[in-house]
Amino acid sequence: MEDVMPLVILLSGDLMSSSRLEGAVRKQSARLAVASSPERALELAADEQARLVLIDLTLGGLDLAVWLPNLREQCGERVAALAYGPHVHEANLQAARQAGCDGVVSRGGLDRKVDELLAGFLA
């Protein structure tokens, strides 16, 4: 039944990311929902099946230092946060680590290890 499948939320404005990730999410017997705004991602995270938010650090208007505590307040530790972004944006990757993301990887690292990362977070 689809309603018992874990939910992975992709917080991104990049539609190419969603098409690349959808197959990997399905391989983990999970479903993918795309949120193009931080507010929409929080709405989706209210779903009891939500387990992971993939955060595209290139999304404009995202202040992780404010948004991530809101996610934690709403969902506790039930929902993990994995941020990713271009490897050349080291300051953004470091800011995501400091904000308290459960994982931070470069976009290339996500592409190379997506199955392994999803399996770890959805286990």
Protein backbone atom coordinates (compact mmCIF):
# COMPACT_ATOMS: atom_id res chain seq x y z
CA MET A 1 0.00 0.00 0.00
CA GLU A 2 1.40 3.35 -0.99
CA ASP A 3 0.16 5.13 2.14
CA VAL A 4 2.58 3.14 4.35
CA MET A 5 5.62 3.91 2.22
CA PRO A 6 8.15 6.32 3.75
CA LEU A 7 8.04 9.81 2.30
CA VAL A 8 11.13 11.64 1.05
CA ILE A 9 10.66 15.36 0.52
CA LEU A 10 12.83 17.17 -2.01
CA LEU A 11 13.11 20.87 -1.20
CA SER A 12 14.29 22.26 -4.52
CA GLY A 13 13.28 24.45 -7.41
CA ASP A 14 15.22 22.24 -9.84
CA LEU A 15 12.87 19.88 -11.66
CA MET A 16 15.83 17.93 -13.07
CA SER A 17 16.77 16.95 -9.52
CA SER A 18 13.37 15.44 -8.90
CA SER A 19 13.46 13.28 -12.01
CA ARG A 20 16.96 12.02 -11.13
CA LEU A 21 16.01 11.24 -7.55
CA GLU A 22 12.61 9.69 -8.11
CA GLY A 23 13.97 6.37 -9.34
CA ALA A 24 16.42 6.11 -6.46
CA VAL A 25 13.67 6.85 -3.94
CA ARG A 26 11.41 4.19 -5.48
CA LYS A 27 14.24 1.63 -5.23
CA GLN A 28 14.07 2.20 -1.46
CA SER A 29 10.31 1.45 -1.47
CA ALA A 30 9.63 5.09 -0.68
CA ARG A 31 7.81 7.91 -2.41
CA LEU A 32 9.05 11.37 -3.37
CA ALA A 33 7.25 14.68 -2.94
CA VAL A 34 8.72 17.91 -4.28
CA ALA A 35 8.45 21.21 -2.44
CA SER A 36 9.60 24.37 -4.17
CA SER A 37 9.40 26.45 -0.98
CA PRO A 38 10.51 25.93 2.62
CA GLU A 39 6.92 26.49 3.77
CA ARG A 40 5.61 23.74 1.50
CA ALA A 41 8.32 21.37 2.72
CA LEU A 42 7.15 21.93 6.31
CA GLU A 43 3.57 21.21 5.27
CA LEU A 44 4.64 17.95 3.64
CA ALA A 45 6.79 17.00 6.65
CA ALA A 46 3.61 16.90 8.75
CA ASP A 47 2.83 13.60 6.99
CA GLU A 48 3.46 10.82 9.52
CA GLN A 49 5.33 8.84 6.86
CA ALA A 50 7.85 11.65 6.19
CA ARG A 51 11.35 10.44 7.01
CA LEU A 52 13.80 12.61 5.06
CA VAL A 53 14.06 16.08 3.57
CA LEU A 54 16.62 16.48 0.81
CA ILE A 55 17.57 20.16 0.84
CA ASP A 56 18.95 21.80 -2.29
CA LEU A 57 21.22 24.54 -0.96
CA THR A 58 20.88 26.49 -4.22
CA LEU A 59 17.22 27.21 -3.44
CA GLY A 60 16.79 30.95 -2.98
CA GLY A 61 15.20 32.31 0.16
CA LEU A 62 16.15 29.38 2.38
CA ASP A 63 17.61 30.26 5.79
CA LEU A 64 18.51 26.87 7.26
CA ALA A 65 19.39 28.39 10.64
CA VAL A 66 15.72 29.39 10.95
CA TRP A 67 14.00 26.68 8.91
CA LEU A 68 15.69 23.61 10.39
CA PRO A 69 14.63 24.38 13.99
CA ASN A 70 11.06 24.73 12.69
CA LEU A 71 11.33 21.28 11.09
CA ARG A 72 12.71 19.82 14.35
CA GLU A 73 9.96 21.47 16.40
CA GLN A 74 7.28 20.08 14.11
CA CYS A 75 8.70 16.60 13.52
CA GLY A 76 11.29 15.91 16.20
CA GLU A 77 13.87 13.40 15.10
CA ARG A 78 11.37 11.51 12.91
CA VAL A 79 12.46 13.48 9.86
CA ALA A 80 16.13 13.72 8.93
CA ALA A 81 17.62 16.57 6.89
CA LEU A 82 20.20 15.91 4.18
CA ALA A 83 21.53 19.04 2.47
CA TYR A 84 23.37 19.09 -0.83
CA GLY A 85 24.87 21.71 -3.07
CA PRO A 86 27.68 22.45 -5.50
CA HIS A 87 31.08 21.46 -4.12
CA VAL A 88 32.43 24.91 -5.00
CA HIS A 89 29.96 26.48 -2.54
CA GLU A 90 31.87 25.25 0.50
CA ALA A 91 30.54 28.10 2.67
CA ASN A 92 26.94 26.96 2.02
CA LEU A 93 27.83 23.35 2.76
CA GLN A 94 29.54 24.40 6.00
CA ALA A 95 26.57 26.57 6.98
CA ALA A 96 24.30 23.54 6.53
CA ARG A 97 26.54 21.52 8.83
CA GLN A 98 26.48 24.30 11.42
CA ALA A 99 22.69 24.60 11.15
CA GLY A 100 22.44 20.97 12.27
CA CYS A 101 21.64 18.99 9.12
CA ASP A 102 21.93 15.25 9.66
CA GLY A 103 24.05 15.00 6.52
CA VAL A 104 25.69 17.37 4.04
CA VAL A 105 27.08 16.30 0.67
CA SER A 106 28.10 17.88 -2.58
CA ARG A 107 25.69 17.50 -5.49
CA GLY A 108 28.17 15.10 -7.11
CA GLY A 109 28.39 13.14 -3.87
CA LEU A 110 24.61 12.85 -3.80
CA ASP A 111 24.54 11.65 -7.39
CA ARG A 112 27.27 9.06 -6.77
CA LYS A 113 25.99 7.76 -3.42
CA VAL A 114 22.25 8.39 -3.61
CA ASP A 115 21.25 4.74 -3.09
CA GLU A 116 23.57 4.34 -0.12
CA LEU A 117 22.51 7.65 1.44
CA LEU A 118 18.80 6.96 1.04
CA ALA A 119 19.18 3.45 2.46
CA GLY A 120 20.97 4.85 5.50
CA PHE A 121 18.39 7.53 6.22
CA LEU A 122 15.34 5.36 5.50
CA ALA A 123 16.51 2.25 7.38
